[in-house]
Amino acid sequence: MPFIAHRDLAHRTRIACVVAASAAACLVVTAPAIAVTTIPLPAPLACPDLNLELDIGDDSKRNTRTFEDRDGNTVVLTTGAAESVVVTNVDTRESVTAPARGARTRTTTAADGTTTTTHTGHLLLVLFDTDLGGAGLPPSSTTLITGRTVYTVDKGGIFTVQRVNGKTTDICAELRP
């Protein structure tokens, strides 16, 4: 399930995508066309030495519930399948496709505006060069994670990865010539 959070591109579009890799069955079906949003990520935003482009489909099927926890914090729980994502090296046109798959994301907003997100499933995590990284993931990286990921985002939009449990794939390395 791609989970995508956007900030205005002028403020360096923030993207956290939950995506899945899985075996696909071959079916012959006629499907409606999927609209795509393209987001450019010039180096060093999402990879230190690569100009990337994200093509995000509008094929999401997710459920979102918002509520307050016992401490009065706002909690947003998202489940289901979200957008498929294609990550492309702009210079070589090589790409990696992450189809829409299911996952669960729980984001809690504290009184000071800091959010803590726990994501279970498949996550395409894009950390900008201004993010702090953490848990073995550096700033300016794009990583496909299969498992459980916990990260915080401060009021300024800076990501800090707290924990990663599961398999990680360095998308920058996959797309490097």
C-alpha atoms as a PDB file:
ATOM      1  CA  MET A   1       0.000   0.000   0.000  1.00  0.00           C
ATOM      2  CA  PRO A   2       1.663   3.207  -0.938  1.00  0.00           C
ATOM      3  CA  PHE A   3       1.013   5.740   1.727  1.00  0.00           C
ATOM      4  CA  ILE A   4       1.785   9.209   0.456  1.00  0.00           C
ATOM      5  CA  ALA A   5       2.089  12.398   2.424  1.00  0.00           C
ATOM      6  CA  HIS A   6       2.721  15.570   0.440  1.00  0.00           C
ATOM      7  CA  ARG A   7       3.927  19.026   1.321  1.00  0.00           C
ATOM      8  CA  ASP A   8       3.899  21.843  -1.189  1.00  0.00           C
ATOM      9  CA  LEU A   9       6.697  21.323  -3.761  1.00  0.00           C
ATOM     10  CA  ALA A  10       8.048  24.771  -2.914  1.00  0.00           C
ATOM     11  CA  HIS A  11       8.644  23.351   0.554  1.00  0.00           C
ATOM     12  CA  ARG A  12      10.291  20.219  -0.892  1.00  0.00           C
ATOM     13  CA  THR A  13       7.491  17.742  -1.403  1.00  0.00           C
ATOM     14  CA  ARG A  14       7.490  15.238   1.446  1.00  0.00           C
ATOM     15  CA  ILE A  15       6.770  11.738   0.402  1.00  0.00           C
ATOM     16  CA  ALA A  16       6.376   8.595   2.369  1.00  0.00           C
ATOM     17  CA  CYS A  17       5.086   5.823   0.227  1.00  0.00           C
ATOM     18  CA  VAL A  18       3.987   2.464   1.355  1.00  0.00           C
ATOM     19  CA  VAL A  19       4.463   0.063  -1.475  1.00  0.00           C
ATOM     20  CA  ALA A  20       4.580  -3.643  -1.940  1.00  0.00           C
ATOM     21  CA  ALA A  21       6.499  -6.118  -3.995  1.00  0.00           C
ATOM     22  CA  SER A  22       4.690  -9.376  -4.623  1.00  0.00           C
ATOM     23  CA  ALA A  23       4.177 -12.077  -7.191  1.00  0.00           C
ATOM     24  CA  ALA A  24       1.658 -11.074  -9.806  1.00  0.00           C
ATOM     25  CA  ALA A  25      -0.846 -13.377 -11.437  1.00  0.00           C
ATOM     26  CA  CYS A  26      -1.345 -13.074 -15.166  1.00  0.00           C
ATOM     27  CA  LEU A  27      -4.889 -12.109 -16.015  1.00  0.00           C
ATOM     28  CA  VAL A  28      -6.359 -10.784 -19.207  1.00  0.00           C
ATOM     29  CA  VAL A  29      -8.618  -7.932 -18.155  1.00  0.00           C
ATOM     30  CA  THR A  30      -9.570  -4.570 -19.495  1.00  0.00           C
ATOM     31  CA  ALA A  31      -8.960  -1.983 -16.816  1.00  0.00           C
ATOM     32  CA  PRO A  32      -9.715   1.719 -16.789  1.00  0.00           C
ATOM     33  CA  ALA A  33      -6.747   4.021 -17.296  1.00  0.00           C
ATOM     34  CA  ILE A  34      -5.035   5.173 -14.120  1.00  0.00           C
ATOM     35  CA  ALA A  35      -4.188   8.860 -13.800  1.00  0.00           C
ATOM     36  CA  VAL A  36      -0.619   9.523 -12.679  1.00  0.00           C
ATOM     37  CA  THR A  37       0.927  12.348 -10.673  1.00  0.00           C
ATOM     38  CA  THR A  38       4.619  12.919 -11.404  1.00  0.00           C
ATOM     39  CA  ILE A  39       6.891  14.390  -8.743  1.00  0.00           C
ATOM     40  CA  PRO A  40      10.473  15.361  -9.680  1.00  0.00           C
ATOM     41  CA  LEU A  41      13.141  14.776  -7.016  1.00  0.00           C
ATOM     42  CA  PRO A  42      16.423  16.262  -8.275  1.00  0.00           C
ATOM     43  CA  ALA A  43      19.700  15.194  -6.628  1.00  0.00           C
ATOM     44  CA  PRO A  44      20.467  15.334  -3.750  1.00  0.00           C
ATOM     45  CA  LEU A  45      16.874  15.303  -2.426  1.00  0.00           C
ATOM     46  CA  ALA A  46      16.071  11.572  -2.486  1.00  0.00           C
ATOM     47  CA  CYS A  47      19.411  10.109  -3.642  1.00  0.00           C
ATOM     48  CA  PRO A  48      22.735  11.930  -3.269  1.00  0.00           C
ATOM     49  CA  ASP A  49      23.765  11.458  -6.904  1.00  0.00           C
ATOM     50  CA  LEU A  50      20.582  10.676  -8.854  1.00  0.00           C
ATOM     51  CA  ASN A  51      17.767  12.729 -10.317  1.00  0.00           C
ATOM     52  CA  LEU A  52      14.603  10.775  -9.589  1.00  0.00           C
ATOM     53  CA  GLU A  53      10.985  11.036 -10.593  1.00  0.00           C
ATOM     54  CA  LEU A  54       8.043   9.445  -8.804  1.00  0.00           C
ATOM     55  CA  ASP A  55       4.978   8.495 -10.825  1.00  0.00           C
ATOM     56  CA  ILE A  56       2.122   7.955  -8.372  1.00  0.00           C
ATOM     57  CA  GLY A  57      -1.057   6.254  -9.592  1.00  0.00           C
ATOM     58  CA  ASP A  58      -4.539   7.154  -8.373  1.00  0.00           C
ATOM     59  CA  ASP A  59      -5.436   3.503  -7.744  1.00  0.00           C
ATOM     60  CA  SER A  60      -5.744   3.728  -3.960  1.00  0.00           C
ATOM     61  CA  LYS A  61      -8.319   1.785  -1.956  1.00  0.00           C
ATOM     62  CA  ARG A  62      -7.857   2.694   1.664  1.00  0.00           C
ATOM     63  CA  ASN A  63      -9.808   3.394   4.797  1.00  0.00           C
ATOM     64  CA  THR A  64      -8.892   6.161   7.203  1.00  0.00           C
ATOM     65  CA  ARG A  65     -10.185   6.670  10.715  1.00  0.00           C
ATOM     66  CA  THR A  66      -9.304   9.650  12.934  1.00  0.00           C
ATOM     67  CA  PHE A  67      -9.803   9.618  16.699  1.00  0.00           C
ATOM     68  CA  GLU A  68      -8.296  10.800  19.993  1.00  0.00           C
ATOM     69  CA  ASP A  69      -6.267   8.429  22.172  1.00  0.00           C
ATOM     70  CA  ARG A  70      -6.402   8.278  25.986  1.00  0.00           C
ATOM     71  CA  ASP A  71      -3.848  11.098  26.244  1.00  0.00           C
ATOM     72  CA  GLY A  72      -5.834  13.450  23.995  1.00  0.00           C
ATOM     73  CA  ASN A  73      -3.497  13.029  20.991  1.00  0.00           C
ATOM     74  CA  THR A  74      -4.987  12.890  17.503  1.00  0.00           C
ATOM     75  CA  VAL A  75      -4.518   9.475  15.879  1.00  0.00           C
ATOM     76  CA  VAL A  76      -4.995   8.717  12.173  1.00  0.00           C
ATOM     77  CA  LEU A  77      -5.264   5.019  11.304  1.00  0.00           C
ATOM     78  CA  THR A  78      -4.998   4.110   7.609  1.00  0.00           C
ATOM     79  CA  THR A  79      -5.495   0.580   6.261  1.00  0.00           C
ATOM     80  CA  GLY A  80      -5.972  -0.924   2.825  1.00  0.00           C
ATOM     81  CA  ALA A  81      -4.198  -0.467  -0.487  1.00  0.00           C
ATOM     82  CA  ALA A  82      -2.941   2.868  -1.695  1.00  0.00           C
ATOM     83  CA  GLU A  83      -1.254   4.189  -4.817  1.00  0.00           C
ATOM     84  CA  SER A  84       1.165   2.274  -7.020  1.00  0.00           C
ATOM     85  CA  VAL A  85       4.500   4.079  -7.463  1.00  0.00           C
ATOM     86  CA  VAL A  86       7.137   3.974 -10.205  1.00  0.00           C
ATOM     87  CA  VAL A  87      10.548   5.393  -9.238  1.00  0.00           C
ATOM     88  CA  THR A  88      12.608   6.419 -12.291  1.00  0.00           C
ATOM     89  CA  ASN A  89      16.219   7.511 -12.717  1.00  0.00           C
ATOM     90  CA  VAL A  90      15.612  10.543 -14.953  1.00  0.00           C
ATOM     91  CA  ASP A  91      19.028  10.317 -16.629  1.00  0.00           C
ATOM     92  CA  THR A  92      18.972   6.597 -17.589  1.00  0.00           C
ATOM     93  CA  ARG A  93      15.160   6.066 -17.649  1.00  0.00           C
ATOM     94  CA  GLU A  94      15.672   2.872 -15.573  1.00  0.00           C
ATOM     95  CA  SER A  95      12.809   2.361 -13.135  1.00  0.00           C
ATOM     96  CA  VAL A  96      11.571   0.316 -10.197  1.00  0.00           C
ATOM     97  CA  THR A  97       7.840  -0.321  -9.856  1.00  0.00           C
ATOM     98  CA  ALA A  98       6.095  -0.727  -6.516  1.00  0.00           C
ATOM     99  CA  PRO A  99       2.492  -1.883  -7.055  1.00  0.00           C
ATOM    100  CA  ALA A 100      -0.322  -0.964  -4.692  1.00  0.00           C
ATOM    101  CA  ARG A 101      -0.542  -3.410  -1.790  1.00  0.00           C
ATOM    102  CA  GLY A 102      -2.065  -3.528   1.663  1.00  0.00           C
ATOM    103  CA  ALA A 103      -0.520  -2.064   4.813  1.00  0.00           C
ATOM    104  CA  ARG A 104      -1.385  -0.363   8.084  1.00  0.00           C
ATOM    105  CA  THR A 105      -0.233   3.095   9.155  1.00  0.00           C
ATOM    106  CA  ARG A 106      -0.893   4.684  12.542  1.00  0.00           C
ATOM    107  CA  THR A 107       0.115   8.343  12.941  1.00  0.00           C
ATOM    108  CA  THR A 108      -0.170  10.043  16.329  1.00  0.00           C
ATOM    109  CA  THR A 109       0.133  13.828  16.626  1.00  0.00           C
ATOM    110  CA  ALA A 110       1.391  15.045  20.012  1.00  0.00           C
ATOM    111  CA  ALA A 111       0.479  18.394  21.594  1.00  0.00           C
ATOM    112  CA  ASP A 112       3.782  19.917  20.399  1.00  0.00           C
ATOM    113  CA  GLY A 113       2.941  19.084  16.756  1.00  0.00           C
ATOM    114  CA  THR A 114       5.413  16.199  16.431  1.00  0.00           C
ATOM    115  CA  THR A 115       4.013  13.111  14.700  1.00  0.00           C
ATOM    116  CA  THR A 116       5.013   9.514  15.312  1.00  0.00           C
ATOM    117  CA  THR A 117       4.135   7.031  12.583  1.00  0.00           C
ATOM    118  CA  THR A 118       4.209   3.255  12.899  1.00  0.00           C
ATOM    119  CA  HIS A 119       3.907   1.534   9.559  1.00  0.00           C
ATOM    120  CA  THR A 120       3.466  -2.195   9.052  1.00  0.00           C
ATOM    121  CA  GLY A 121       3.707  -3.671   5.571  1.00  0.00           C
ATOM    122  CA  HIS A 122       5.532  -2.304   2.557  1.00  0.00           C
ATOM    123  CA  LEU A 123       6.891   1.229   2.754  1.00  0.00           C
ATOM    124  CA  LEU A 124       8.796   3.267   0.175  1.00  0.00           C
ATOM    125  CA  LEU A 125      10.462   5.794   2.463  1.00  0.00           C
ATOM    126  CA  VAL A 126      11.982   8.864   0.821  1.00  0.00           C
ATOM    127  CA  LEU A 127      14.291  10.796   3.143  1.00  0.00           C
ATOM    128  CA  PHE A 128      15.482  14.196   1.939  1.00  0.00           C
ATOM    129  CA  ASP A 129      18.984  15.542   2.341  1.00  0.00           C
ATOM    130  CA  THR A 130      17.634  17.768   5.143  1.00  0.00           C
ATOM    131  CA  ASP A 131      16.183  14.823   7.134  1.00  0.00           C
ATOM    132  CA  LEU A 132      18.056  13.186  10.002  1.00  0.00           C
ATOM    133  CA  GLY A 133      17.684   9.579   8.852  1.00  0.00           C
ATOM    134  CA  GLY A 134      18.303   6.997  11.565  1.00  0.00           C
ATOM    135  CA  ALA A 135      18.036   3.243  12.186  1.00  0.00           C
ATOM    136  CA  GLY A 136      20.686   2.668   9.508  1.00  0.00           C
ATOM    137  CA  LEU A 137      18.967   4.829   6.877  1.00  0.00           C
ATOM    138  CA  PRO A 138      20.902   7.936   5.822  1.00  0.00           C
ATOM    139  CA  PRO A 139      19.478  11.305   4.779  1.00  0.00           C
ATOM    140  CA  SER A 140      19.028  11.635   1.004  1.00  0.00           C
ATOM    141  CA  SER A 141      17.864   8.052   0.501  1.00  0.00           C
ATOM    142  CA  THR A 142      14.985   6.114  -1.022  1.00  0.00           C
ATOM    143  CA  THR A 143      14.364   2.745   0.618  1.00  0.00           C
ATOM    144  CA  LEU A 144      11.776   0.019   0.133  1.00  0.00           C
ATOM    145  CA  ILE A 145      11.034  -1.515   3.535  1.00  0.00           C
ATOM    146  CA  THR A 146       9.054  -4.709   4.069  1.00  0.00           C
ATOM    147  CA  GLY A 147       8.203  -5.043   7.743  1.00  0.00           C
ATOM    148  CA  ARG A 148       7.671  -2.546  10.544  1.00  0.00           C
ATOM    149  CA  THR A 149       8.955   1.042  10.501  1.00  0.00           C
ATOM    150  CA  VAL A 150       8.632   3.775  13.116  1.00  0.00           C
ATOM    151  CA  TYR A 151       9.539   7.384  12.334  1.00  0.00           C
ATOM    152  CA  THR A 152       8.876  10.830  13.751  1.00  0.00           C
ATOM    153  CA  VAL A 153       8.365  14.121  11.941  1.00  0.00           C
ATOM    154  CA  ASP A 154       8.963  17.366  13.820  1.00  0.00           C
ATOM    155  CA  LYS A 155       7.016  20.611  13.320  1.00  0.00           C
ATOM    156  CA  GLY A 156       9.564  21.664  10.682  1.00  0.00           C
ATOM    157  CA  GLY A 157       8.898  18.529   8.602  1.00  0.00           C
ATOM    158  CA  ILE A 158      12.204  16.801   9.447  1.00  0.00           C
ATOM    159  CA  PHE A 159      12.005  12.984   9.449  1.00  0.00           C
ATOM    160  CA  THR A 160      13.899  10.870  11.995  1.00  0.00           C
ATOM    161  CA  VAL A 161      13.685   7.100  11.601  1.00  0.00           C
ATOM    162  CA  GLN A 162      13.376   5.428  15.014  1.00  0.00           C
ATOM    163  CA  ARG A 163      13.221   1.735  14.071  1.00  0.00           C
ATOM    164  CA  VAL A 164      13.204  -0.568  11.061  1.00  0.00           C
ATOM    165  CA  ASN A 165      12.412  -4.272  11.467  1.00  0.00           C
ATOM    166  CA  GLY A 166      12.352  -6.280   8.260  1.00  0.00           C
ATOM    167  CA  LYS A 167      13.913  -6.315   4.814  1.00  0.00           C
ATOM    168  CA  THR A 168      15.274  -3.103   3.250  1.00  0.00           C
ATOM    169  CA  THR A 169      16.126  -2.444  -0.406  1.00  0.00           C
ATOM    170  CA  ASP A 170      18.191   0.626  -1.358  1.00  0.00           C
ATOM    171  CA  ILE A 171      16.342   2.016  -4.396  1.00  0.00           C
ATOM    172  CA  CYS A 172      19.148   4.495  -5.109  1.00  0.00           C
ATOM    173  CA  ALA A 173      21.561   1.538  -5.492  1.00  0.00           C
ATOM    174  CA  GLU A 174      19.030  -0.318  -7.671  1.00  0.00           C
ATOM    175  CA  LEU A 175      18.767   2.664 -10.062  1.00  0.00           C
ATOM    176  CA  ARG A 176      22.447   3.673 -10.092  1.00  0.00           C
ATOM    177  CA  PRO A 177      24.114   2.974 -13.492  1.00  0.00           C
END
